[in-house]
Amino acid sequence: MRKVLLFTLAAFALISCRSQDLIRPGDTLEVAFNKAKAQYDAEEWSSAASAFETVVSIGRGTDLGQEAQFLLAESYYNNKRYLLAASEYDRYATFYPRSERRELVDFKAAVCYYKLSPRYRLDQSYTRQALERFRLFNSRYPNSERVAEASEYITELRNKLARKQYEAAEFYKRTSRFNAAIVYYDLVLDNYPESRWAEEALVDKIEAYILYADNSIPASQLGRYESAVSSYETYLQLFPSGDNRSRAEDLYDRARNEIEDITNGRDQEPVAENE
């Protein structure tokens, strides 16, 4: 019985302390902010966010309201609620465009979308938003110490988009839809030429043309083998020391042999005599 009573008293004391931490009607703006900040410092992110929302609503246009707006975004960010965090960073930038924190909130809003970017197989809307945000950041703050970090994010995100298109091309090639595969390999090369997937895409494009020719009617084979050779010549121009050079050369030899066989076969066909 004594243990139950002690537990009840402890629980009551805890509830009482927690109740005192809550913002109440009649609290001044400063008291409300301090209560919210105490929850933030205790890393109680959900409670802090809720409290800062209250402070923002009653303190808009004040210094404490501005600080609360920033810490509201930070609370959501620390709680990994990135879409809400991005929205609050954007709201801070809208209401306080000349703040010394403007550069930071623009950067962190971009990072939020980076955090939301899923693995390459899924929809890449957030990836594209993150890319646009980081590009805008580097354009707006070219002398920022965060430009290098933003550029690293851009490279990573572009590689993800390149891989998505590369894997689509590979799928089409595996399912013998060679023309579609070639279109997607070209998308990788045209849109992401600096990505780590560009070289592989070009070599696989050579192979796709060869497989396309192999599975074509005789009248269409020569042109497709010649396209494979042309793609190899492009490879030499773009990646003269590429990691896939040996494979590209093997595919080139294969295409050239097929072209010679077709050409020689035509040359050896009997010519019909004129009647």
C-alpha atoms as a PDB file:
ATOM      1  CA  MET A   1       0.000   0.000   0.000  1.00  0.00           C
ATOM      2  CA  ARG A   2       2.853   2.361   0.886  1.00  0.00           C
ATOM      3  CA  LYS A   3       4.548   1.630  -2.474  1.00  0.00           C
ATOM      4  CA  VAL A   4       1.323   2.375  -4.318  1.00  0.00           C
ATOM      5  CA  LEU A   5       0.944   5.657  -2.442  1.00  0.00           C
ATOM      6  CA  LEU A   6       4.536   6.676  -3.189  1.00  0.00           C
ATOM      7  CA  PHE A   7       4.076   5.813  -6.856  1.00  0.00           C
ATOM      8  CA  THR A   8       0.849   7.823  -6.999  1.00  0.00           C
ATOM      9  CA  LEU A   9       2.516  10.827  -5.374  1.00  0.00           C
ATOM     10  CA  ALA A  10       5.467  10.608  -7.777  1.00  0.00           C
ATOM     11  CA  ALA A  11       3.148  10.383 -10.781  1.00  0.00           C
ATOM     12  CA  PHE A  12       1.148  13.360  -9.515  1.00  0.00           C
ATOM     13  CA  ALA A  13       4.328  15.373  -9.023  1.00  0.00           C
ATOM     14  CA  LEU A  14       5.476  14.507 -12.545  1.00  0.00           C
ATOM     15  CA  ILE A  15       2.124  15.497 -14.024  1.00  0.00           C
ATOM     16  CA  SER A  16       2.193  18.696 -12.004  1.00  0.00           C
ATOM     17  CA  CYS A  17       5.688  19.550 -13.286  1.00  0.00           C
ATOM     18  CA  ARG A  18       4.663  18.770 -16.823  1.00  0.00           C
ATOM     19  CA  SER A  19       1.566  20.923 -16.407  1.00  0.00           C
ATOM     20  CA  GLN A  20       3.714  23.839 -15.324  1.00  0.00           C
ATOM     21  CA  ASP A  21       5.749  23.465 -18.532  1.00  0.00           C
ATOM     22  CA  LEU A  22       2.684  23.924 -20.717  1.00  0.00           C
ATOM     23  CA  ILE A  23       1.758  27.299 -22.129  1.00  0.00           C
ATOM     24  CA  ARG A  24      -1.396  28.573 -20.499  1.00  0.00           C
ATOM     25  CA  PRO A  25      -3.846  31.348 -21.342  1.00  0.00           C
ATOM     26  CA  GLY A  26      -2.553  34.532 -19.776  1.00  0.00           C
ATOM     27  CA  ASP A  27       1.139  33.639 -20.127  1.00  0.00           C
ATOM     28  CA  THR A  28       3.163  36.521 -21.491  1.00  0.00           C
ATOM     29  CA  LEU A  29       4.987  36.069 -24.774  1.00  0.00           C
ATOM     30  CA  GLU A  30       8.295  35.805 -22.925  1.00  0.00           C
ATOM     31  CA  VAL A  31       6.976  33.155 -20.515  1.00  0.00           C
ATOM     32  CA  ALA A  32       5.453  31.180 -23.410  1.00  0.00           C
ATOM     33  CA  PHE A  33       8.724  31.352 -25.354  1.00  0.00           C
ATOM     34  CA  ASN A  34      10.772  30.227 -22.336  1.00  0.00           C
ATOM     35  CA  LYS A  35       8.477  27.233 -21.811  1.00  0.00           C
ATOM     36  CA  ALA A  36       8.820  26.264 -25.467  1.00  0.00           C
ATOM     37  CA  LYS A  37      12.580  26.745 -25.348  1.00  0.00           C
ATOM     38  CA  ALA A  38      12.858  24.542 -22.253  1.00  0.00           C
ATOM     39  CA  GLN A  39      11.166  21.707 -24.133  1.00  0.00           C
ATOM     40  CA  TYR A  40      13.444  22.326 -27.104  1.00  0.00           C
ATOM     41  CA  ASP A  41      16.556  22.189 -24.899  1.00  0.00           C
ATOM     42  CA  ALA A  42      15.267  18.925 -23.409  1.00  0.00           C
ATOM     43  CA  GLU A  43      15.041  17.576 -26.984  1.00  0.00           C
ATOM     44  CA  GLU A  44      11.305  16.980 -26.634  1.00  0.00           C
ATOM     45  CA  TRP A  45      10.833  17.841 -30.267  1.00  0.00           C
ATOM     46  CA  SER A  46       7.099  17.192 -30.659  1.00  0.00           C
ATOM     47  CA  SER A  47       6.199  19.148 -27.539  1.00  0.00           C
ATOM     48  CA  ALA A  48       8.595  21.928 -28.505  1.00  0.00           C
ATOM     49  CA  ALA A  49       7.080  22.196 -31.983  1.00  0.00           C
ATOM     50  CA  SER A  50       3.584  22.447 -30.563  1.00  0.00           C
ATOM     51  CA  ALA A  51       4.710  25.093 -28.084  1.00  0.00           C
ATOM     52  CA  PHE A  52       6.572  27.143 -30.678  1.00  0.00           C
ATOM     53  CA  GLU A  53       3.509  27.096 -32.928  1.00  0.00           C
ATOM     54  CA  THR A  54       1.659  28.836 -30.110  1.00  0.00           C
ATOM     55  CA  VAL A  55       4.459  31.357 -29.620  1.00  0.00           C
ATOM     56  CA  VAL A  56       4.577  32.103 -33.347  1.00  0.00           C
ATOM     57  CA  SER A  57       0.826  32.667 -33.482  1.00  0.00           C
ATOM     58  CA  ILE A  58       0.888  35.241 -30.685  1.00  0.00           C
ATOM     59  CA  GLY A  59       4.298  36.763 -31.338  1.00  0.00           C
ATOM     60  CA  ARG A  60       4.398  37.389 -35.067  1.00  0.00           C
ATOM     61  CA  GLY A  61       6.389  40.542 -35.810  1.00  0.00           C
ATOM     62  CA  THR A  62       8.397  40.425 -32.580  1.00  0.00           C
ATOM     63  CA  ASP A  63      11.980  39.301 -31.994  1.00  0.00           C
ATOM     64  CA  LEU A  64      10.748  36.368 -29.916  1.00  0.00           C
ATOM     65  CA  GLY A  65       8.267  35.463 -32.639  1.00  0.00           C
ATOM     66  CA  GLN A  66      11.094  35.410 -35.188  1.00  0.00           C
ATOM     67  CA  GLU A  67      13.239  33.211 -32.960  1.00  0.00           C
ATOM     68  CA  ALA A  68      10.262  30.929 -32.326  1.00  0.00           C
ATOM     69  CA  GLN A  69       9.672  30.572 -36.074  1.00  0.00           C
ATOM     70  CA  PHE A  70      13.245  29.386 -36.589  1.00  0.00           C
ATOM     71  CA  LEU A  71      13.147  26.996 -33.622  1.00  0.00           C
ATOM     72  CA  LEU A  72       9.799  25.647 -34.812  1.00  0.00           C
ATOM     73  CA  ALA A  73      11.447  24.647 -38.101  1.00  0.00           C
ATOM     74  CA  GLU A  74      14.414  23.224 -36.196  1.00  0.00           C
ATOM     75  CA  SER A  75      12.108  21.205 -33.934  1.00  0.00           C
ATOM     76  CA  TYR A  76      10.443  19.569 -36.931  1.00  0.00           C
ATOM     77  CA  TYR A  77      13.840  18.978 -38.541  1.00  0.00           C
ATOM     78  CA  ASN A  78      15.275  17.338 -35.433  1.00  0.00           C
ATOM     79  CA  ASN A  79      12.142  15.193 -35.198  1.00  0.00           C
ATOM     80  CA  LYS A  80      12.727  14.088 -38.829  1.00  0.00           C
ATOM     81  CA  ARG A  81       9.440  15.589 -39.987  1.00  0.00           C
ATOM     82  CA  TYR A  82      11.171  17.045 -42.996  1.00  0.00           C
ATOM     83  CA  LEU A  83       8.204  18.187 -45.055  1.00  0.00           C
ATOM     84  CA  LEU A  84       6.892  20.260 -42.136  1.00  0.00           C
ATOM     85  CA  ALA A  85      10.392  21.522 -41.431  1.00  0.00           C
ATOM     86  CA  ALA A  86      10.864  22.665 -45.029  1.00  0.00           C
ATOM     87  CA  SER A  87       7.534  24.493 -44.890  1.00  0.00           C
ATOM     88  CA  GLU A  88       8.539  26.318 -41.700  1.00  0.00           C
ATOM     89  CA  TYR A  89      11.994  27.217 -43.033  1.00  0.00           C
ATOM     90  CA  ASP A  90      10.267  28.649 -46.108  1.00  0.00           C
ATOM     91  CA  ARG A  91       7.861  30.579 -43.894  1.00  0.00           C
ATOM     92  CA  TYR A  92      10.814  32.022 -41.981  1.00  0.00           C
ATOM     93  CA  ALA A  93      12.430  33.134 -45.258  1.00  0.00           C
ATOM     94  CA  THR A  94       9.162  34.732 -46.373  1.00  0.00           C
ATOM     95  CA  PHE A  95       8.551  36.662 -43.170  1.00  0.00           C
ATOM     96  CA  TYR A  96      12.193  37.565 -42.481  1.00  0.00           C
ATOM     97  CA  PRO A  97      13.907  37.793 -45.891  1.00  0.00           C
ATOM     98  CA  ARG A  98      16.718  40.032 -44.607  1.00  0.00           C
ATOM     99  CA  SER A  99      17.524  37.926 -41.564  1.00  0.00           C
ATOM    100  CA  GLU A 100      21.128  36.881 -41.053  1.00  0.00           C
ATOM    101  CA  ARG A 101      19.758  33.334 -40.897  1.00  0.00           C
ATOM    102  CA  ARG A 102      18.278  33.515 -44.407  1.00  0.00           C
ATOM    103  CA  GLU A 103      21.179  31.617 -45.971  1.00  0.00           C
ATOM    104  CA  LEU A 104      20.975  28.880 -43.336  1.00  0.00           C
ATOM    105  CA  VAL A 105      17.218  28.371 -43.633  1.00  0.00           C
ATOM    106  CA  ASP A 106      17.414  28.230 -47.436  1.00  0.00           C
ATOM    107  CA  PHE A 107      20.108  25.585 -47.171  1.00  0.00           C
ATOM    108  CA  LYS A 108      18.275  23.532 -44.558  1.00  0.00           C
ATOM    109  CA  ALA A 109      15.046  23.641 -46.559  1.00  0.00           C
ATOM    110  CA  ALA A 110      16.980  22.082 -49.447  1.00  0.00           C
ATOM    111  CA  VAL A 111      18.438  19.469 -47.092  1.00  0.00           C
ATOM    112  CA  CYS A 112      14.897  18.595 -45.993  1.00  0.00           C
ATOM    113  CA  TYR A 113      13.988  17.624 -49.549  1.00  0.00           C
ATOM    114  CA  TYR A 114      17.265  15.711 -49.825  1.00  0.00           C
ATOM    115  CA  LYS A 115      16.257  13.765 -46.719  1.00  0.00           C
ATOM    116  CA  LEU A 116      12.867  13.052 -48.315  1.00  0.00           C
ATOM    117  CA  SER A 117      14.455  11.774 -51.534  1.00  0.00           C
ATOM    118  CA  PRO A 118      13.717   8.019 -51.728  1.00  0.00           C
ATOM    119  CA  ARG A 119      15.724   5.203 -53.249  1.00  0.00           C
ATOM    120  CA  TYR A 120      16.096   5.421 -57.008  1.00  0.00           C
ATOM    121  CA  ARG A 121      13.338   2.933 -57.886  1.00  0.00           C
ATOM    122  CA  LEU A 122      10.620   5.134 -56.370  1.00  0.00           C
ATOM    123  CA  ASP A 123       9.080   8.427 -57.482  1.00  0.00           C
ATOM    124  CA  GLN A 124      11.780  11.113 -57.617  1.00  0.00           C
ATOM    125  CA  SER A 125       9.697  14.272 -57.138  1.00  0.00           C
ATOM    126  CA  TYR A 126      11.466  15.147 -53.888  1.00  0.00           C
ATOM    127  CA  THR A 127      14.828  14.454 -55.511  1.00  0.00           C
ATOM    128  CA  ARG A 128      14.087  17.000 -58.223  1.00  0.00           C
ATOM    129  CA  GLN A 129      12.881  19.524 -55.667  1.00  0.00           C
ATOM    130  CA  ALA A 130      16.076  19.068 -53.663  1.00  0.00           C
ATOM    131  CA  LEU A 131      18.160  19.534 -56.811  1.00  0.00           C
ATOM    132  CA  GLU A 132      16.355  22.735 -57.700  1.00  0.00           C
ATOM    133  CA  ARG A 133      16.765  24.042 -54.162  1.00  0.00           C
ATOM    134  CA  PHE A 134      20.496  23.361 -54.029  1.00  0.00           C
ATOM    135  CA  ARG A 135      21.019  24.919 -57.466  1.00  0.00           C
ATOM    136  CA  LEU A 136      19.104  28.004 -56.389  1.00  0.00           C
ATOM    137  CA  PHE A 137      21.134  28.148 -53.194  1.00  0.00           C
ATOM    138  CA  ASN A 138      24.452  28.064 -55.068  1.00  0.00           C
ATOM    139  CA  SER A 139      23.186  30.719 -57.450  1.00  0.00           C
ATOM    140  CA  ARG A 140      21.934  32.962 -54.654  1.00  0.00           C
ATOM    141  CA  TYR A 141      24.931  32.508 -52.331  1.00  0.00           C
ATOM    142  CA  PRO A 142      27.954  31.861 -54.596  1.00  0.00           C
ATOM    143  CA  ASN A 143      30.406  32.851 -51.854  1.00  0.00           C
ATOM    144  CA  SER A 144      28.837  30.763 -49.114  1.00  0.00           C
ATOM    145  CA  GLU A 145      30.943  28.209 -47.270  1.00  0.00           C
ATOM    146  CA  ARG A 146      28.050  25.780 -47.880  1.00  0.00           C
ATOM    147  CA  VAL A 147      28.388  25.871 -51.687  1.00  0.00           C
ATOM    148  CA  ALA A 148      30.780  22.903 -51.748  1.00  0.00           C
ATOM    149  CA  GLU A 149      28.421  20.825 -49.618  1.00  0.00           C
ATOM    150  CA  ALA A 150      25.469  21.806 -51.786  1.00  0.00           C
ATOM    151  CA  SER A 151      27.441  20.784 -54.882  1.00  0.00           C
ATOM    152  CA  GLU A 152      28.106  17.369 -53.337  1.00  0.00           C
ATOM    153  CA  TYR A 153      24.385  16.930 -52.753  1.00  0.00           C
ATOM    154  CA  ILE A 154      23.709  17.933 -56.360  1.00  0.00           C
ATOM    155  CA  THR A 155      26.158  15.323 -57.642  1.00  0.00           C
ATOM    156  CA  GLU A 156      24.619  12.609 -55.481  1.00  0.00           C
ATOM    157  CA  LEU A 157      21.074  13.483 -56.503  1.00  0.00           C
ATOM    158  CA  ARG A 158      21.929  13.628 -60.207  1.00  0.00           C
ATOM    159  CA  ASN A 159      23.567  10.221 -59.952  1.00  0.00           C
ATOM    160  CA  LYS A 160      20.358   8.886 -58.439  1.00  0.00           C
ATOM    161  CA  LEU A 161      18.264  10.258 -61.310  1.00  0.00           C
ATOM    162  CA  ALA A 162      20.776   8.926 -63.822  1.00  0.00           C
ATOM    163  CA  ARG A 163      20.599   5.489 -62.253  1.00  0.00           C
ATOM    164  CA  LYS A 164      16.814   5.483 -62.418  1.00  0.00           C
ATOM    165  CA  GLN A 165      16.931   6.051 -66.174  1.00  0.00           C
ATOM    166  CA  TYR A 166      19.823   3.627 -66.603  1.00  0.00           C
ATOM    167  CA  GLU A 167      17.920   0.875 -64.778  1.00  0.00           C
ATOM    168  CA  ALA A 168      14.883   1.565 -66.954  1.00  0.00           C
ATOM    169  CA  ALA A 169      17.083   1.057 -70.017  1.00  0.00           C
ATOM    170  CA  GLU A 170      18.427  -2.189 -68.562  1.00  0.00           C
ATOM    171  CA  PHE A 171      14.886  -3.418 -67.956  1.00  0.00           C
ATOM    172  CA  TYR A 172      13.911  -2.743 -71.562  1.00  0.00           C
ATOM    173  CA  LYS A 173      17.049  -4.496 -72.786  1.00  0.00           C
ATOM    174  CA  ARG A 174      16.373  -7.552 -70.604  1.00  0.00           C
ATOM    175  CA  THR A 175      12.844  -7.760 -71.985  1.00  0.00           C
ATOM    176  CA  SER A 176      14.087  -7.471 -75.595  1.00  0.00           C
ATOM    177  CA  ARG A 177      12.597  -4.012 -76.166  1.00  0.00           C
ATOM    178  CA  PHE A 178      15.844  -2.771 -77.607  1.00  0.00           C
ATOM    179  CA  ASN A 179      14.603   0.419 -79.229  1.00  0.00           C
ATOM    180  CA  ALA A 180      13.165   1.639 -75.897  1.00  0.00           C
ATOM    181  CA  ALA A 181      16.399   0.649 -74.134  1.00  0.00           C
ATOM    182  CA  ILE A 182      18.416   2.764 -76.565  1.00  0.00           C
ATOM    183  CA  VAL A 183      16.137   5.754 -75.922  1.00  0.00           C
ATOM    184  CA  TYR A 184      16.739   5.510 -72.171  1.00  0.00           C
ATOM    185  CA  TYR A 185      20.499   5.027 -72.536  1.00  0.00           C
ATOM    186  CA  ASP A 186      20.478   8.224 -74.572  1.00  0.00           C
ATOM    187  CA  LEU A 187      18.553   9.998 -71.798  1.00  0.00           C
ATOM    188  CA  VAL A 188      21.310   9.107 -69.354  1.00  0.00           C
ATOM    189  CA  LEU A 189      23.967  10.392 -71.747  1.00  0.00           C
ATOM    190  CA  ASP A 190      22.107  13.576 -72.679  1.00  0.00           C
ATOM    191  CA  ASN A 191      20.826  14.548 -69.236  1.00  0.00           C
ATOM    192  CA  TYR A 192      23.574  13.240 -66.944  1.00  0.00           C
ATOM    193  CA  PRO A 193      26.804  13.070 -68.981  1.00  0.00           C
ATOM    194  CA  GLU A 194      28.951  13.680 -65.890  1.00  0.00           C
ATOM    195  CA  SER A 195      27.304  10.936 -63.826  1.00  0.00           C
ATOM    196  CA  ARG A 196      28.921   7.634 -62.952  1.00  0.00           C
ATOM    197  CA  TRP A 197      26.282   5.874 -65.085  1.00  0.00           C
ATOM    198  CA  ALA A 198      27.039   7.641 -68.352  1.00  0.00           C
ATOM    199  CA  GLU A 199      29.937   5.435 -69.472  1.00  0.00           C
ATOM    200  CA  GLU A 200      28.070   2.211 -68.701  1.00  0.00           C
ATOM    201  CA  ALA A 201      25.026   3.546 -70.520  1.00  0.00           C
ATOM    202  CA  LEU A 202      27.028   4.161 -73.680  1.00  0.00           C
ATOM    203  CA  VAL A 203      28.622   0.703 -73.654  1.00  0.00           C
ATOM    204  CA  ASP A 204      25.251  -0.906 -73.006  1.00  0.00           C
ATOM    205  CA  LYS A 205      23.828   1.144 -75.854  1.00  0.00           C
ATOM    206  CA  ILE A 206      26.395  -0.461 -78.185  1.00  0.00           C
ATOM    207  CA  GLU A 207      25.284  -3.880 -76.977  1.00  0.00           C
ATOM    208  CA  ALA A 208      21.608  -2.942 -77.344  1.00  0.00           C
ATOM    209  CA  TYR A 209      22.144  -2.025 -80.996  1.00  0.00           C
ATOM    210  CA  ILE A 210      23.870  -5.371 -81.610  1.00  0.00           C
ATOM    211  CA  LEU A 211      21.087  -7.325 -79.915  1.00  0.00           C
ATOM    212  CA  TYR A 212      18.529  -5.246 -81.799  1.00  0.00           C
ATOM    213  CA  ALA A 213      20.248  -6.143 -85.061  1.00  0.00           C
ATOM    214  CA  ASP A 214      20.558  -9.815 -84.093  1.00  0.00           C
ATOM    215  CA  ASN A 215      16.795  -9.952 -83.592  1.00  0.00           C
ATOM    216  CA  SER A 216      15.867  -7.927 -86.684  1.00  0.00           C
ATOM    217  CA  ILE A 217      14.844  -8.921 -90.152  1.00  0.00           C
ATOM    218  CA  PRO A 218      17.830  -9.095 -92.557  1.00  0.00           C
ATOM    219  CA  ALA A 219      16.918  -5.840 -94.262  1.00  0.00           C
ATOM    220  CA  SER A 220      17.297  -3.910 -90.974  1.00  0.00           C
ATOM    221  CA  GLN A 221      20.390  -5.586 -89.559  1.00  0.00           C
ATOM    222  CA  LEU A 222      23.140  -3.679 -91.367  1.00  0.00           C
ATOM    223  CA  GLY A 223      21.949  -0.243 -90.240  1.00  0.00           C
ATOM    224  CA  ARG A 224      21.708  -1.345 -86.601  1.00  0.00           C
ATOM    225  CA  TYR A 225      25.166  -2.924 -86.561  1.00  0.00           C
ATOM    226  CA  GLU A 226      26.480   0.301 -88.090  1.00  0.00           C
ATOM    227  CA  SER A 227      24.774   2.244 -85.291  1.00  0.00           C
ATOM    228  CA  ALA A 228      26.651   0.057 -82.809  1.00  0.00           C
ATOM    229  CA  VAL A 229      29.932   0.980 -84.500  1.00  0.00           C
ATOM    230  CA  SER A 230      28.995   4.651 -84.478  1.00  0.00           C
ATOM    231  CA  SER A 231      28.197   4.427 -80.754  1.00  0.00           C
ATOM    232  CA  TYR A 232      31.615   2.869 -80.151  1.00  0.00           C
ATOM    233  CA  GLU A 233      33.274   5.796 -81.932  1.00  0.00           C
ATOM    234  CA  THR A 234      31.354   8.158 -79.652  1.00  0.00           C
ATOM    235  CA  TYR A 235      32.579   6.134 -76.686  1.00  0.00           C
ATOM    236  CA  LEU A 236      36.199   6.634 -77.760  1.00  0.00           C
ATOM    237  CA  GLN A 237      35.643  10.385 -77.923  1.00  0.00           C
ATOM    238  CA  LEU A 238      33.927  10.666 -74.533  1.00  0.00           C
ATOM    239  CA  PHE A 239      35.687   7.976 -72.514  1.00  0.00           C
ATOM    240  CA  PRO A 240      39.084   7.232 -74.120  1.00  0.00           C
ATOM    241  CA  SER A 241      40.360   5.782 -70.839  1.00  0.00           C
ATOM    242  CA  GLY A 242      37.055   4.453 -69.572  1.00  0.00           C
ATOM    243  CA  ASP A 243      36.772   1.495 -67.209  1.00  0.00           C
ATOM    244  CA  ASN A 244      34.660  -0.358 -69.791  1.00  0.00           C
ATOM    245  CA  ARG A 245      37.026   0.168 -72.719  1.00  0.00           C
ATOM    246  CA  SER A 246      37.800  -3.547 -73.096  1.00  0.00           C
ATOM    247  CA  ARG A 247      34.123  -4.505 -73.192  1.00  0.00           C
ATOM    248  CA  ALA A 248      33.378  -1.723 -75.665  1.00  0.00           C
ATOM    249  CA  GLU A 249      36.131  -3.000 -77.965  1.00  0.00           C
ATOM    250  CA  ASP A 250      34.773  -6.555 -77.816  1.00  0.00           C
ATOM    251  CA  LEU A 251      31.335  -5.290 -78.806  1.00  0.00           C
ATOM    252  CA  TYR A 252      32.845  -3.201 -81.595  1.00  0.00           C
ATOM    253  CA  ASP A 253      34.669  -6.250 -82.990  1.00  0.00           C
ATOM    254  CA  ARG A 254      31.437  -8.217 -82.861  1.00  0.00           C
ATOM    255  CA  ALA A 255      29.533  -5.524 -84.761  1.00  0.00           C
ATOM    256  CA  ARG A 256      32.294  -5.152 -87.377  1.00  0.00           C
ATOM    257  CA  ASN A 257      32.350  -8.912 -87.980  1.00  0.00           C
ATOM    258  CA  GLU A 258      28.595  -8.937 -88.513  1.00  0.00           C
ATOM    259  CA  ILE A 259      28.854  -6.020 -90.934  1.00  0.00           C
ATOM    260  CA  GLU A 260      31.576  -7.816 -92.905  1.00  0.00           C
ATOM    261  CA  ASP A 261      29.525 -11.004 -93.024  1.00  0.00           C
ATOM    262  CA  ILE A 262      26.491  -9.130 -94.308  1.00  0.00           C
ATOM    263  CA  THR A 263      28.516  -7.144 -96.836  1.00  0.00           C
ATOM    264  CA  ASN A 264      30.425 -10.171 -98.091  1.00  0.00           C
ATOM    265  CA  GLY A 265      27.232 -12.176 -98.301  1.00  0.00           C
ATOM    266  CA  ARG A 266      25.690  -9.523-100.504  1.00  0.00           C
ATOM    267  CA  ASP A 267      28.777  -9.296-102.683  1.00  0.00           C
ATOM    268  CA  GLN A 268      28.697 -13.062-103.228  1.00  0.00           C
ATOM    269  CA  GLU A 269      25.018 -13.195-104.184  1.00  0.00           C
ATOM    270  CA  PRO A 270      24.630 -14.281-107.856  1.00  0.00           C
ATOM    271  CA  VAL A 271      23.650 -11.514-110.191  1.00  0.00           C
ATOM    272  CA  ALA A 272      20.548 -12.299-112.202  1.00  0.00           C
ATOM    273  CA  GLU A 273      21.166 -12.375-115.959  1.00  0.00           C
ATOM    274  CA  ASN A 274      19.203 -10.071-118.150  1.00  0.00           C
ATOM    275  CA  GLU A 275      16.672 -11.941-120.097  1.00  0.00           C
END
